[in-house]
């Protein structure tokens, strides 16, 4: 199959920092804002007020409320671009967009790095790499949630970025590995590719639920012959892998069944590989209705 070479696009970005007390001079990196002039797209993410990264500099309820207000104003101004609100006079197709944004009456405490230039054929990956480098994976993971659904939330986030996948991938489906038994098992995502079914399942990030998950996945893969592929997504930095337990479980499942593959979607390489998988689904998967016919 001929490989399509994606064109590299020009991007401009700035690191967003926050300083709560000018006298103390305590400052932390809290996010990234990026503009892609060729498409008029603006990408941004900043930490929410409850993130543990603020423990070092927000010392009172007043400090917390001040940041929350600043955070909300910041998001409001940038969302005006998404909503085609021209009241702020921002032009997302301009190479000076970030400078235009910084010149607004921005909230107290926000500080921006110099505007930096880059070219990339994968803007999403570049954006995520910059967030990990300057803000930190630990704090970004908190933004997805603190319960055992954090991996699934990240998978949903990546799937949602593709416009057409909601018509091709079905969430929370039920399958019966053994027809003679009444018990059904829940799978996070499923789709129909060619003549077979393929599934995506998230691994738990809590050690207490990981052994039940392994037993369930082992039973499903041993007994469900309709599936051509099981894609496991996981977080190698989760609680369930503090001592390498989850890695051992993933290795066990992938080694005993060639249909099973796995991606650490909280790593740059794993996220990129999973995104490539999603592009393949977007190209070749059949509509959800075809999947439902097979599952019926």
Protein backbone atom coordinates (compact mmCIF):
# COMPACT_ATOMS: atom_id res chain seq x y z
CA UNK A 1 0.00 0.00 0.00
CA UNK A 2 1.39 3.37 -0.99
CA UNK A 3 2.16 5.58 2.01
CA UNK A 4 0.62 9.04 1.90
CA UNK A 5 3.11 11.72 2.91
CA UNK A 6 1.39 14.40 4.95
CA UNK A 7 2.34 18.00 4.30
CA UNK A 8 4.15 19.79 7.09
CA UNK A 9 2.24 22.78 8.40
CA UNK A 10 3.49 25.97 10.03
CA UNK A 11 2.45 26.42 13.64
CA UNK A 12 3.04 29.12 16.23
CA UNK A 13 2.83 28.43 19.95
CA UNK A 14 3.42 29.95 23.36
CA UNK A 15 3.84 28.36 26.78
CA UNK A 16 1.29 29.64 29.29
CA UNK A 17 2.53 30.30 32.82
CA UNK A 18 0.84 31.47 35.99
CA UNK A 19 2.21 33.60 38.80
CA UNK A 20 -0.01 34.06 41.85
CA UNK A 21 2.28 36.37 43.84
CA UNK A 22 4.63 38.79 42.10
CA UNK A 23 6.58 39.40 45.32
CA UNK A 24 7.30 35.71 45.88
CA UNK A 25 7.91 35.15 42.17
CA UNK A 26 6.49 31.62 42.20
CA UNK A 27 5.62 30.68 38.62
CA UNK A 28 4.50 27.41 37.01
CA UNK A 29 3.81 26.20 33.47
CA UNK A 30 0.07 25.57 33.12
CA UNK A 31 -0.60 25.08 29.40
CA UNK A 32 0.01 25.74 25.71
CA UNK A 33 -1.73 27.88 23.11
CA UNK A 34 -1.04 27.06 19.45
CA UNK A 35 -2.28 28.50 16.17
CA UNK A 36 -2.21 26.92 12.71
CA UNK A 37 -2.65 29.83 10.27
CA UNK A 38 -3.23 27.65 7.18
CA UNK A 39 -6.42 26.18 8.65
CA UNK A 40 -7.37 28.93 11.11
CA UNK A 41 -7.30 26.32 13.87
CA UNK A 42 -6.40 27.28 17.44
CA UNK A 43 -5.40 24.61 19.94
CA UNK A 44 -5.09 25.30 23.65
CA UNK A 45 -5.16 23.63 27.02
CA UNK A 46 -4.60 24.98 30.51
CA UNK A 47 -4.84 23.23 33.85
CA UNK A 48 -8.10 23.46 35.74
CA UNK A 49 -8.15 25.03 39.24
CA UNK A 50 -8.26 21.70 41.14
CA UNK A 51 -5.03 20.38 39.62
CA UNK A 52 -2.43 19.40 42.23
CA UNK A 53 0.25 21.43 40.43
CA UNK A 54 -1.22 24.55 42.05
CA UNK A 55 -0.63 23.29 45.60
CA UNK A 56 2.79 24.94 45.60
CA UNK A 57 1.52 28.44 44.80
CA UNK A 58 -2.17 28.73 45.73
CA UNK A 59 -2.06 29.15 49.48
CA UNK A 60 -5.59 30.31 50.29
CA UNK A 61 -9.20 30.16 49.13
CA UNK A 62 -8.77 33.67 47.75
CA UNK A 63 -5.85 32.51 45.60
CA UNK A 64 -7.93 29.56 44.33
CA UNK A 65 -10.92 31.78 43.47
CA UNK A 66 -8.65 34.27 41.71
CA UNK A 67 -7.19 31.56 39.51
CA UNK A 68 -10.61 30.07 38.77
CA UNK A 69 -11.87 33.47 37.61
CA UNK A 70 -8.74 33.99 35.49
CA UNK A 71 -9.08 30.49 34.04
CA UNK A 72 -12.73 31.08 33.04
CA UNK A 73 -11.96 34.43 31.38
CA UNK A 74 -9.04 32.91 29.49
CA UNK A 75 -11.19 30.04 28.17
CA UNK A 76 -14.02 32.45 27.28
CA UNK A 77 -11.75 34.56 25.08
CA UNK A 78 -10.30 31.56 23.24
CA UNK A 79 -13.70 29.92 22.80
CA UNK A 80 -14.82 33.09 21.02
CA UNK A 81 -12.63 31.90 18.12
CA UNK A 82 -14.38 28.50 18.03
CA UNK A 83 -17.76 30.24 18.10
CA UNK A 84 -16.84 32.78 15.37
CA UNK A 85 -17.38 35.60 17.85
CA UNK A 86 -15.66 38.65 16.35
CA UNK A 87 -16.07 40.91 19.38
CA UNK A 88 -12.44 40.37 20.43
CA UNK A 89 -11.11 41.09 16.94
CA UNK A 90 -8.99 37.93 16.82
CA UNK A 91 -7.97 36.50 13.44
CA UNK A 92 -7.08 32.79 13.80
CA UNK A 93 -5.71 32.67 10.23
CA UNK A 94 -3.07 35.30 10.99
CA UNK A 95 0.52 34.41 11.88
CA UNK A 96 0.26 37.07 14.61
CA UNK A 97 -2.79 35.46 16.27
CA UNK A 98 -1.03 34.71 19.56
CA UNK A 99 0.29 38.26 19.80
CA UNK A 100 -3.25 39.50 19.11
CA UNK A 101 -4.50 37.27 21.89
CA UNK A 102 -1.84 38.34 24.39
CA UNK A 103 -2.68 42.00 23.72
CA UNK A 104 -6.23 41.43 25.05
CA UNK A 105 -7.11 42.44 28.58
CA UNK A 106 -6.08 39.06 29.92
CA UNK A 107 -6.58 37.87 33.51
CA UNK A 108 -4.14 38.79 36.23
CA UNK A 109 -1.34 36.29 36.74
CA UNK A 110 -1.08 34.86 33.22
CA UNK A 111 2.37 35.09 31.64
CA UNK A 112 3.26 33.95 28.13
CA UNK A 113 6.58 32.82 26.72
CA UNK A 114 7.88 34.31 23.50
CA UNK A 115 5.97 33.10 20.45
CA UNK A 116 7.76 30.10 18.94
CA UNK A 117 7.73 28.69 15.41
CA UNK A 118 7.53 25.05 14.30
CA UNK A 119 6.56 22.91 11.29
CA UNK A 120 4.87 19.55 11.66
CA UNK A 121 2.96 16.98 9.63
CA UNK A 122 1.19 15.86 12.81
CA UNK A 123 0.01 18.94 14.69
CA UNK A 124 -1.93 16.95 17.31
CA UNK A 125 1.15 14.94 18.23
CA UNK A 126 3.31 18.07 18.42
CA UNK A 127 0.74 19.77 20.65
CA UNK A 128 0.56 16.77 23.01
CA UNK A 129 4.36 16.46 23.11
CA UNK A 130 4.67 20.15 24.05
CA UNK A 131 2.08 19.72 26.81
CA UNK A 132 3.93 16.73 28.21
CA UNK A 133 7.29 18.51 28.05
CA UNK A 134 6.26 21.81 29.59
CA UNK A 135 3.27 20.94 31.79
CA UNK A 136 3.99 17.32 32.72
CA UNK A 137 2.20 14.02 32.10
CA UNK A 138 1.26 13.59 35.77
CA UNK A 139 -0.72 16.83 35.83
CA UNK A 140 -2.26 16.28 32.38
CA UNK A 141 -3.50 12.87 33.49
CA UNK A 142 -5.33 14.54 36.36
CA UNK A 143 -7.28 16.61 33.85
CA UNK A 144 -8.84 13.41 32.46
CA UNK A 145 -10.13 12.32 35.85
CA UNK A 146 -8.94 10.48 38.92
CA UNK A 147 -11.05 7.30 38.80
CA UNK A 148 -10.59 3.96 37.07
CA UNK A 149 -12.15 5.32 33.85
CA UNK A 150 -9.22 7.61 33.06
CA UNK A 151 -7.88 5.40 30.22
CA UNK A 152 -11.30 5.09 28.63
CA UNK A 153 -11.76 8.87 28.87
CA UNK A 154 -8.48 9.39 27.03
CA UNK A 155 -9.54 6.90 24.34
CA UNK A 156 -12.87 8.70 23.94
CA UNK A 157 -11.02 12.00 23.66
CA UNK A 158 -8.79 10.68 20.85
CA UNK A 159 -11.70 9.04 19.01
CA UNK A 160 -13.80 12.22 19.28
CA UNK A 161 -11.14 14.22 17.44
CA UNK A 162 -11.98 12.31 14.25
CA UNK A 163 -15.14 13.69 12.66
CA UNK A 164 -16.56 10.47 11.23
CA UNK A 165 -15.71 7.84 13.84
CA UNK A 166 -18.99 8.22 15.72
CA UNK A 167 -20.66 6.70 12.63
CA UNK A 168 -18.19 3.79 12.54
CA UNK A 169 -17.35 2.97 16.16
CA UNK A 170 -19.99 1.88 18.67
CA UNK A 171 -19.42 2.45 22.39
CA UNK A 172 -20.29 0.13 25.27
CA UNK A 173 -21.32 -2.94 23.31
CA UNK A 174 -22.33 -6.32 24.70
CA UNK A 175 -20.95 -9.63 23.45
CA UNK A 176 -21.54 -13.27 24.44
CA UNK A 177 -18.28 -15.25 24.19
CA UNK A 178 -20.13 -18.54 24.78
CA UNK A 179 -23.54 -18.83 23.11
CA UNK A 180 -24.70 -21.54 25.50
CA UNK A 181 -24.12 -19.28 28.51
CA UNK A 182 -26.46 -16.35 29.28
CA UNK A 183 -23.70 -14.06 30.53
CA UNK A 184 -22.76 -11.04 28.37
CA UNK A 185 -19.58 -9.01 28.64
CA UNK A 186 -19.19 -5.29 28.05
CA UNK A 187 -16.56 -4.01 25.58
CA UNK A 188 -15.66 -0.32 25.40
CA UNK A 189 -15.66 0.08 21.60
CA UNK A 190 -16.35 -2.06 18.57
CA UNK A 191 -16.43 -1.68 14.78
CA UNK A 192 -16.76 -3.84 11.67
CA UNK A 193 -13.79 -4.01 9.34
CA UNK A 194 -13.93 -6.19 6.22
CA UNK A 195 -15.79 -9.37 7.20
CA UNK A 196 -14.92 -9.46 10.88
CA UNK A 197 -15.31 -7.52 14.11
CA UNK A 198 -12.62 -5.59 15.94
CA UNK A 199 -12.70 -4.29 19.49
CA UNK A 200 -10.98 -1.64 21.61
CA UNK A 201 -10.82 -2.18 25.36
CA UNK A 202 -9.26 0.04 28.03
CA UNK A 203 -7.18 -1.42 30.86
CA UNK A 204 -7.88 -0.31 34.45
CA UNK A 205 -5.58 2.11 36.19
CA UNK A 206 -6.45 0.80 39.66
CA UNK A 207 -4.62 -2.28 40.92
CA UNK A 208 -7.74 -3.49 42.76
CA UNK A 209 -9.65 -4.03 39.51
CA UNK A 210 -6.78 -5.21 37.29
CA UNK A 211 -6.94 -8.92 38.19
CA UNK A 212 -10.67 -9.16 37.43
CA UNK A 213 -9.99 -7.34 34.16
CA UNK A 214 -7.26 -9.83 33.22
CA UNK A 215 -9.51 -12.80 33.99
CA UNK A 216 -12.35 -11.28 31.93
CA UNK A 217 -10.15 -10.42 28.93
CA UNK A 218 -8.50 -13.83 29.00
CA UNK A 219 -11.91 -15.54 28.95
CA UNK A 220 -13.19 -13.31 26.13
CA UNK A 221 -10.14 -13.78 23.89
CA UNK A 222 -10.16 -17.55 24.51
CA UNK A 223 -13.81 -17.93 23.56
CA UNK A 224 -14.91 -15.17 21.20
CA UNK A 225 -13.99 -16.34 17.71
CA UNK A 226 -15.87 -13.62 15.76
CA UNK A 227 -13.24 -10.99 16.58
CA UNK A 228 -10.32 -10.38 14.22
CA UNK A 229 -8.55 -8.00 16.58
CA UNK A 230 -8.55 -6.85 20.20
CA UNK A 231 -6.83 -3.50 20.74
CA UNK A 232 -5.95 -2.83 24.36
CA UNK A 233 -5.26 0.75 25.46
CA UNK A 234 -3.57 1.45 28.78
CA UNK A 235 -1.50 3.85 30.88
CA UNK A 236 1.94 2.54 31.85
CA UNK A 237 2.17 5.23 34.56
CA UNK A 238 -1.04 4.16 36.31
CA UNK A 239 -1.37 2.76 39.82
CA UNK A 240 -1.95 -0.71 38.37
CA UNK A 241 1.57 -0.65 36.91
CA UNK A 242 3.59 0.72 39.82
CA UNK A 243 5.47 -2.58 40.12
CA UNK A 244 5.03 -3.61 36.48
CA UNK A 245 1.90 -5.68 37.14
CA UNK A 246 -0.11 -4.23 34.26
CA UNK A 247 2.82 -4.65 31.84
CA UNK A 248 2.94 -8.35 32.76
CA UNK A 249 -0.80 -8.69 32.16
CA UNK A 250 -0.59 -6.94 28.78
CA UNK A 251 2.38 -9.12 27.78
CA UNK A 252 0.48 -12.27 28.80
CA UNK A 253 -2.58 -11.35 26.70
CA UNK A 254 -0.59 -10.30 23.61
CA UNK A 255 1.69 -13.35 23.71
CA UNK A 256 -1.10 -15.94 24.00
CA UNK A 257 -3.26 -14.49 21.21
CA UNK A 258 -1.90 -12.87 18.03
CA UNK A 259 -5.16 -10.93 17.63
CA UNK A 260 -4.33 -8.85 20.71
CA UNK A 261 -2.27 -5.66 20.36
CA UNK A 262 -1.72 -2.92 22.93
CA UNK A 263 -0.93 0.81 23.00
CA UNK A 264 0.15 2.94 25.93
CA UNK A 265 -1.93 5.95 24.86
CA UNK A 266 -0.38 8.09 27.59
CA UNK A 267 3.00 7.94 25.86
CA UNK A 268 3.80 9.96 22.74
CA UNK A 269 4.63 6.88 20.65
CA UNK A 270 1.62 4.91 21.89
CA UNK A 271 -0.76 7.77 21.23
CA UNK A 272 0.66 8.26 17.74
CA UNK A 273 0.27 4.53 16.96
CA UNK A 274 -3.30 4.52 18.26
CA UNK A 275 -4.11 7.59 16.15
CA UNK A 276 -2.76 5.76 13.08
CA UNK A 277 -5.07 2.88 13.97
CA UNK A 278 -7.99 5.32 14.13
CA UNK A 279 -7.11 6.69 10.69
CA UNK A 280 -7.24 3.15 9.33
CA UNK A 281 -10.66 2.64 10.93
CA UNK A 282 -11.83 5.93 9.45
CA UNK A 283 -10.80 4.73 5.97
CA UNK A 284 -12.00 1.15 5.98
CA UNK A 285 -14.59 0.50 8.70
CA UNK A 286 -18.22 -0.04 7.82
CA UNK A 287 -21.13 1.96 9.32
CA UNK A 288 -22.24 1.11 12.86
CA UNK A 289 -25.42 -0.44 11.47
CA UNK A 290 -23.34 -3.24 9.90
CA UNK A 291 -21.71 -3.94 13.26
CA UNK A 292 -25.09 -4.11 14.96
CA UNK A 293 -26.31 -6.67 12.40
CA UNK A 294 -23.44 -9.01 13.28
CA UNK A 295 -23.94 -8.54 17.02
CA UNK A 296 -27.71 -9.07 16.86
